[in-house]
Structure formats: structure tokens, C-alpha cells
Protein backbone atom coordinates (compact mmCIF):
# COMPACT_ATOMS: atom_id res chain seq x y z
CA MET A 1 119.86 74.10 78.81
CA PRO A 2 116.12 74.70 79.36
CA ARG A 3 113.79 71.74 79.16
CA ARG A 4 111.41 71.70 76.23
CA SER A 5 107.75 72.40 76.78
CA ILE A 6 104.41 71.95 75.11
CA VAL A 7 102.08 74.89 74.70
CA ILE A 8 98.47 73.82 74.31
CA THR A 9 95.38 75.79 73.44
CA ASP A 10 91.71 74.93 73.21
CA GLY A 11 90.20 77.62 71.07
CA ASP A 12 91.29 80.89 72.69
CA ASP A 13 91.92 79.37 76.14
CA VAL A 14 95.62 78.96 76.87
CA ILE A 15 96.22 75.99 79.14
CA ILE A 16 100.03 76.07 79.26
CA ASP A 17 102.47 78.70 78.01
CA LEU A 18 106.24 79.05 77.93
CA GLY A 19 106.32 81.09 81.12
CA GLY A 20 104.99 78.13 83.04
CA ARG A 21 101.62 79.74 83.72
CA HIS A 22 98.75 77.31 83.83
CA ARG A 23 95.03 77.82 83.50
CA ALA A 24 92.68 74.89 83.66
CA PRO A 25 90.13 74.40 80.90
CA PRO A 26 86.52 75.39 81.62
CA ARG A 27 84.99 73.33 84.44
CA SER A 28 82.36 71.95 82.10
CA ARG A 29 85.16 70.25 80.18
CA ILE A 30 86.80 68.59 83.18
CA ASN A 31 85.86 65.18 84.52
CA LYS A 32 87.36 64.98 88.01
CA GLY A 33 86.64 61.32 88.56
CA ARG A 34 86.46 58.02 86.71
CA GLY A 35 83.22 56.10 86.97
CA GLU A 36 82.14 52.68 85.84
CA GLY A 37 83.65 51.62 82.57
CA SER A 38 86.88 53.57 83.13
CA PRO A 39 90.12 52.00 81.85
CA PRO A 40 91.78 49.47 84.16
CA SER A 41 94.83 50.44 86.13
CA ILE A 42 98.05 48.47 86.25
CA ALA A 43 97.56 48.06 89.97
CA ALA A 44 94.32 46.24 89.29
CA GLY A 45 96.30 43.60 87.40
CA LYS A 46 94.25 43.95 84.22
CA GLY A 47 96.22 43.90 81.00
CA ARG A 48 96.31 42.58 77.48
CA ARG A 49 94.79 39.28 76.50
CA ASP A 50 98.23 37.68 76.87
CA GLY A 51 98.37 38.81 80.50
CA GLY A 52 100.91 41.60 79.99
CA ASP A 53 100.72 44.90 81.83
CA SER A 54 102.37 47.21 79.28
CA LEU A 55 101.71 49.16 76.12
CA CYS A 56 102.54 47.18 72.95
CA LEU A 57 104.68 49.05 70.41
CA THR A 58 104.78 47.06 67.14
CA ALA A 59 107.32 47.27 64.33
CA ARG A 60 104.70 48.87 62.08
CA VAL A 61 103.94 51.62 64.59
CA LYS A 62 107.65 52.13 65.29
CA ASN A 63 108.32 52.69 61.58
CA LEU A 64 105.47 55.21 61.31
CA ILE A 65 106.58 57.30 64.29
CA GLU A 66 110.19 57.19 63.07
CA LEU A 67 109.13 58.67 59.73
CA ARG A 68 107.00 61.34 61.42
CA ALA A 69 109.76 62.42 63.80
CA GLU A 70 112.38 62.57 61.06
CA ALA A 71 110.08 64.80 59.02
CA SER A 72 111.04 67.58 61.43
CA PHE A 73 114.16 68.20 59.30
CA ARG A 74 114.54 71.63 57.66
CA ALA A 75 117.61 72.47 55.60
CA ASN A 76 119.94 74.95 57.36
CA GLN A 77 117.50 75.35 60.26
CA PRO A 78 117.00 73.56 63.59
CA ASP A 79 114.60 70.63 63.71
CA PHE A 80 111.17 71.61 65.02
CA GLU A 81 108.94 69.79 67.46
CA VAL A 82 106.14 67.67 66.06
CA ILE A 83 103.11 66.08 67.68
CA TYR A 84 101.31 62.90 66.65
CA ALA A 85 99.02 60.35 68.24
CA LEU A 86 98.33 56.62 68.36
CA SER A 87 94.97 55.05 69.07
CA GLY A 88 93.66 51.55 69.52
CA ALA A 89 90.55 49.43 69.88
CA ASP A 90 91.83 48.02 73.20
CA TYR A 91 93.70 49.48 76.16
CA TRP A 92 97.14 48.13 75.22
CA GLY A 93 97.62 47.89 71.45
CA PRO A 94 97.75 50.98 69.19
CA ASP A 95 96.36 50.13 65.74
CA THR A 96 96.08 53.58 64.13
CA PHE A 97 98.65 56.34 63.59
CA HIS A 98 97.44 59.96 63.52
CA HIS A 99 99.62 62.39 61.58
CA PHE A 100 99.11 65.98 62.76
CA ALA A 101 100.34 68.45 60.14
CA SER A 102 97.59 70.97 59.55
CA GLN A 103 96.56 74.27 61.13
CA ARG A 104 93.39 72.61 62.41
CA VAL A 105 95.60 70.63 64.80
CA VAL A 106 98.96 72.43 65.09
CA GLU A 107 98.83 76.17 65.63
CA ASP A 108 102.61 76.62 65.71
CA ALA A 109 105.86 74.65 66.02
CA SER A 110 109.46 75.59 66.75
CA PRO A 111 112.64 73.86 67.97
CA ASP A 112 111.42 74.38 71.56
CA THR A 113 107.64 74.15 71.50
CA VAL A 114 104.65 72.79 69.67
CA THR A 115 101.21 74.37 69.96
CA PRO A 116 98.43 71.83 69.32
CA ILE A 117 94.67 72.37 69.58
CA VAL A 118 92.87 69.71 71.62
CA THR A 119 89.58 69.93 69.75
CA GLY A 120 91.45 69.57 66.45
CA ILE A 121 93.29 66.51 67.75
CA MET A 122 90.06 64.82 68.76
CA ASP A 123 88.34 65.71 65.51
CA LEU A 124 91.15 64.18 63.46
CA ILE A 125 91.29 61.02 65.59
CA ARG A 126 87.56 60.51 65.16
CA ARG A 127 87.78 61.06 61.40
CA ASP A 128 90.76 58.70 61.05
CA ARG A 129 88.90 56.03 62.99
CA GLU A 130 85.58 56.47 61.22
CA GLY A 131 84.00 53.03 60.92
CA SER A 132 86.35 51.56 63.56
CA GLY A 133 84.43 52.63 66.63
CA SER A 134 85.45 54.85 69.52
CA PRO A 135 89.07 54.30 70.62
CA MET A 136 89.78 52.61 73.93
CA LEU A 137 93.36 53.92 73.86
CA ILE A 138 94.82 57.30 72.87
CA VAL A 139 98.54 58.05 73.14
CA ILE A 140 99.60 61.64 72.40
CA ASN A 141 103.32 61.97 71.64
CA HIS A 142 105.53 64.98 70.98
CA THR A 143 109.18 65.15 69.98
CA HIS A 144 112.20 66.61 71.76
CA PRO A 145 114.70 67.37 68.97
CA ALA A 146 118.42 67.88 69.56
CA PRO A 147 119.93 69.60 71.40
CA GLY A 148 118.24 68.68 74.65
CA ASN A 149 116.79 65.51 73.15
CA ILE A 150 115.85 63.78 76.40
CA PRO A 151 112.84 61.41 76.58
CA GLN A 152 111.60 62.99 79.78
CA PRO A 153 108.77 65.50 80.23
CA SER A 154 109.41 69.00 81.51
CA SER A 155 107.25 70.40 84.29
CA ASN A 156 105.17 72.17 81.65
CA ASP A 157 104.83 68.92 79.72
CA GLU A 158 103.48 67.25 82.86
CA ARG A 159 100.91 70.01 83.27
CA PHE A 160 99.96 69.44 79.63
CA PHE A 161 99.49 65.73 80.38
CA GLN A 162 97.19 66.48 83.30
CA SER A 163 95.10 69.20 81.64
CA THR A 164 94.70 67.37 78.34
CA SER A 165 93.78 64.07 79.98
CA GLN A 166 91.05 65.86 81.97
CA VAL A 167 89.60 67.33 78.78
CA LEU A 168 89.76 64.00 76.93
CA ALA A 169 88.32 62.10 79.90
CA ASP A 170 85.23 64.27 79.65
CA MET A 171 84.91 63.50 75.94
CA LEU A 172 85.82 59.79 76.18
CA PRO A 173 85.38 58.59 79.79
CA LYS A 174 86.06 54.92 78.92
CA THR A 175 89.30 55.61 77.03
CA ARG A 176 92.78 55.15 78.44
CA ILE A 177 94.83 58.31 77.83
CA LEU A 178 98.64 58.09 77.75
CA PHE A 179 101.44 60.42 76.64
CA GLY A 180 104.83 59.94 75.05
CA VAL A 181 108.03 61.96 74.75
CA HIS A 182 109.98 61.11 71.60
CA ALA A 183 113.62 62.23 71.75
CA ILE A 184 115.35 62.47 68.37
CA SER A 185 119.06 63.08 67.77
CA GLY A 186 120.70 65.37 65.26
CA GLU A 187 121.41 64.02 61.79
CA ALA A 188 124.48 61.81 61.19
CA VAL A 189 125.17 58.75 59.06
CA ARG A 190 125.11 55.77 61.43
CA ARG A 191 124.47 52.06 61.65
CA ARG A 192 120.82 51.06 62.03
CA GLU A 193 120.12 49.61 65.47
CA PRO A 194 117.08 47.48 66.37
CA PRO A 195 114.70 48.57 69.12
CA THR A 196 115.80 47.82 72.67
CA LYS A 197 114.11 48.51 75.98
CA THR A 198 116.32 50.88 77.97
CA THR A 199 113.95 51.36 80.92
CA PRO A 200 110.53 49.82 81.65
CA ASN A 201 108.81 52.73 79.87
CA CYS A 202 111.33 53.59 77.12
CA ILE A 203 112.26 52.05 73.75
CA ARG A 204 115.43 53.09 71.87
CA TRP A 205 116.53 52.41 68.28
CA ALA A 206 118.46 54.07 65.44
CA SER A 207 117.69 54.65 61.79
CA VAL A 208 120.52 55.28 59.34
CA ILE A 209 120.46 59.01 60.21
CA ARG A 210 118.86 59.45 63.66
CA GLU A 211 118.72 57.95 67.13
CA HIS A 212 115.24 57.64 68.63
CA GLU A 213 114.06 57.17 72.21
CA VAL A 214 110.37 57.10 73.06
CA ALA A 215 109.20 57.04 76.67
CA PHE A 216 105.57 56.69 77.76
CA PHE A 217 103.79 58.24 80.73
CA ALA A 218 100.46 58.18 82.54
CA PRO A 219 98.57 61.50 82.86
CA ASP A 220 100.14 62.12 86.27
CA GLY A 221 103.63 61.89 84.76
CA THR A 222 104.52 58.48 86.14
CA PRO A 223 106.30 56.09 83.72
CA PHE A 224 104.01 53.68 81.88
CA PRO A 225 105.56 50.33 80.85
CA VAL A 226 106.04 49.52 77.17
CA ASP A 227 107.08 46.40 75.24
CA TYR A 228 108.29 46.13 71.66
CA VAL A 229 106.67 43.41 69.56
CA GLU A 230 107.85 42.46 66.05
């Protein structure tokens, strides 16, 4: 079964398409390096105020992303992919959920792809956070519905991570950019299960109708640790 992919556009410039072709965004939009004030790396040993070195996923955020992912349901049709984002005032704790469900942000969605617009994503994040200051953390997640609901990025997804992070780094050079893959099962009545950490970068739980697994990644596709906090 083919791995799912993201297709991303910035205006008329296609960055990734289903055939695996890749075209970088205009050079003026790419920031090749990170200067002073760039987000700390895990290797540098800089983390949250409590000393942790992982992303903090709270119960409130978990409930919001569960609702967004389960909104992919369509009667008598396959679930479609959705994209959403989290942002925060520090590098480790998301405090705002960004619901992308308009043509300004999502050009198209199907069971196998979602086509977001980077400029629309950034515009909505800025509007949602108006009065809260520029975010120090942005996490862009997309779903992998069943079948093929695996919380791992495809090769095209990884190219999306790299291209999008370069664009966002130019816009927000001090912001940490992360990505998530949210696998969601088909619908079935089941027992609710609390969140558990299945791997250092993945949290799993179950609602009364779906199983969820969300894994987080750095722009280069390497796993990024996550902890669940009630």
C-alpha cells in the first residue's frame, strides 16, 4: 500500500506533488542557516523550565487534536486527510490550537493527500495569536487516515518538512518548527484508552470510536521526543 503524502503549494509554486517531484521555494524565501536567537537544540541540553528535553502534549491539546482528526469522517466515503497546527509562547509547550478548514489554508484534501498553502497557514497562526506575541514554537500536523494509518512520514512528507521549515525559518528565524504525523484508525465502537507513550516521539490513545497515534519530528525527519502531561 502506498505511503501517504502531503502536497504543498505557496501561491502557484508547487513544492511537492504526488509524483515525488520537488521544487524548492524561491531563494528569497529560504534561510539556509540559523543565526543568533535560533531555537535551542536538544544536543545543547536546553529544554523546558523543568529541565525536560521534549515537547509537552497536554490533555487539553490532546482533546482538541482528537476532535479535529475525527472530523475527517464523511458518511459512506473514506476519511480524508486534515492538517492543523499547534503554537506556543515557548519552545516546548503548545498553548494554541489552529484549526485549518478554509480555502485560504487548505486547497484540497482527499484520503491520500492534503494540499495546504504555507502563506495561509502563517496568516491564520498570526491572526489566532493576535495579542499573544510571535510564537516561539510551531508544530504542523497532518493526519494519516485508515487504511495505511501509520504515524510515520513518507519520503514526500519529509521533503515537505524540509521545504516548509525553510520557508518558515525565513519568516520566523527565532521559532522552533516541528512536524507531526497523526495516524487515525477506522471507526469502531471501542473502550476509551488513556494516552500512553509508545516510542520516545509518539503518543497513543483511543476515543470511543477511534484509535489515535501522533508522532513528532524535527524538520530533517528525525524523531522529536514528546511527553504527555495531564
